[in-house]
C-alpha cells in the first residue's frame, strides 16, 4: 500500500485465486440476496396499492390482499436473506481458510532472512485481523453490493416508465451523493500508507511491551513514555485526522440521499396541482421514494469499508509474496552416504555484511564436527545453512551428494534434524512435541530419548501426556532446550545438527549428557556449534570461525599446537574456570 492512494484491486486480486469451489456458494448467495432485495419492495408496493384503493377508489388493492402481499414479501425477504447470509458466510470462511493455508505455506518456504527482517506481529496480524476484515467484504459486501445495484437500477427503469420527471428527481441526487462520497474517500488517500504503518507499528509495540513486561517492571520503565503508548497516540491522531477529513464531504451523503423523498414530494405536489400528474402515480413515487434510497445507503456503508479492506489485502499479499517466485524443485534424489561437504559458502543477511565468507570443510560419514568461535562468529547461521533452511547465494552444502535444501522437501523422510538453541515448542503434549519430525515414533523411543537427555525423571508421570503451554510454557529454559535435543534424537536422520547442546546443563552433568548423545548418534554425522572447549575437544574435527570465515580447523591437539585463535579460546576458558582474569 503506497501512501499515494488506495489499491482497490488488492481485494479481488487476493481473493480470486482462493475462491475455488466457493464461487458457486457466492453466486448463489448473490442470487438470493437479489431476490431478498426485490421481495423487500413488496411492503411499500402493498402500501401503495392500498392507498390507491382508498384514495382513488379503483385499480388498487383491498386491505386483505395488501396485508397478504406484504406478509408474503416479509417471509420471502427473511428466508432468502437468511439463506444468502449463510451461504455467503460459508464461502467467506472457506476463502479465509484457503488464504491462511496459503500464508502458512508461504512462510514454510520463505527465506529465513525475509522472515527475520519482519516483526512477528506483522505475520500474526496478516493471518488474524487482516484476513478477518475480508470476511465482511465477502460475506456482506459482495451480496449486498450486487443486490443494491441490481434493485436500484431496476427501480430506476421502472419509475422512468411511470413518470420520467419524478424518476429523474429520484435519480438526480445519486450522482451528487456519490460524488461527495468519492471526494470523502480521496481526501484520505495520502494518509493510507501512514495509517497502515501506524497500525502495524502499534501492533508491534504492544506485542513487544507484553513480551518484555517483566523487564519493564524490573527497570521501572515509565509506561507514559513507552513505545507502545507513543504508537497508540500516533494511531489515535491519525484516526482523528482521518475522520475529520472524511466528514468534510462524507457528511453530505446521507442528507442528500434522504432528501430524495422530500424532493419527490414537492415536485409531485406541484405537478399534481398543475394537473400534469395522476394521483396514483403521485402516490407510487411518494411511497417508493424512501425505498429507492435504501440501496444507496447500503452502498455507502459498503464503500466506506473498502479502503481498510484494500489495505488488509495488501498486508496479506506482502506476506504471501515471501514465498519464492519459483518453487523449490524436489528431485527425489537420496544421499548416497552420510558424508557432509560444505564448499565455498558465502551468506549474508539481507542488507547486511556477509555473515559467512568462503567456508569450506568436509565431515566424513559417522564423525562429529564442532563449530567453535566467539559470539557473532556465524556458528548458528552456518548450522541453519547446513540444515537447508537458509539458501546461500554462493557455494553449496551437500549430504551424500545431494543439496541439503533439496532434502527438506522430500516427503516421508527426514534426512536432517536440528536442535536449536532457542527451540520452537508449541502448545500441546510433550509426546506431540517429540513427534514433530517423527509422527509415527513409538512411545518407547520417545521415552528413551527423554532418558538420554536427562528429562525422564524430571517431568513427572505420565510424561508424554504432560501438557505444555505456548512456546513450551511450564518448562524451564534448560528443560525446553533438552526437550528439543530429544526431539532431534528421535528423528532417524543421517545428519544431526545441534546448537549449543549442553548450554543448559552444568559442567558436572555435561559429560553424562554428551555420552548419551554420542551413543544415540553413533553412525550418524553430527555437527554441533558450541562455545565450550571442554565439549569441542570431544569432536573428531574442529572448525574455528572468526567473523564468518574459517580461521583454522583440525583436531583439538593440532589446534593447540598451532597456538592460534582456538588456543586463545582454550586459555580464556581455563582462566574463567579458575576464576582468573
Foldseek 3Di string as FASTA:
>chain_A
DALQFFDLCLLCVLQVVLLPPLVVLLVLLLVLLLQLLVLCCQLLQLVLLCVCCVPVVPPGDHDVVSVVSNVVSVVSNVVSNVSSLVSQLVSLVSSLVSLLVLLVVLVQQFFVLVVVVDFPLLSVCLNPVLSVLSSCCRNPVSSLLSNLVVVLVVVLVVLCVLPVVLSCLLVVLLVVLVVLQVQLNSLRGSVLVVLLVLVSQLSRQVVVCVVCVVVCVVVVPDPCPGSNVVSVVVNVVSVVVSVVSNCVRNVVNVVSLVCSLVSSLVVLVVCVVVVNDDPSSSSSCNSCSVVSSVSVVSVSVSVVSSRSSSSSSVSSVVSSVSHDPDDDDQPVDDAPAQKKWWAQFWADRPPDDIQAGGDTDIFDFQFEEEEAEDPSLCPVVVLCVLCLSHPTPDTAMDGNRHGNVSVVPDPPADQEFEQELQDADAWAFLLVRLCPPPVPQDPVLLLLLCVLLPNNVPQDPPRRHDTAHGRRHPDDSLVSSSSSVSSQLSHPHQEYEYEASCPSDDPVCPVSNVVSVSVSQGRHYYYYYHHDPVVNLPGQKYFYGDSNYTPDMGHPVVVCVVVDPSVVSVVVVVCVVVVHD
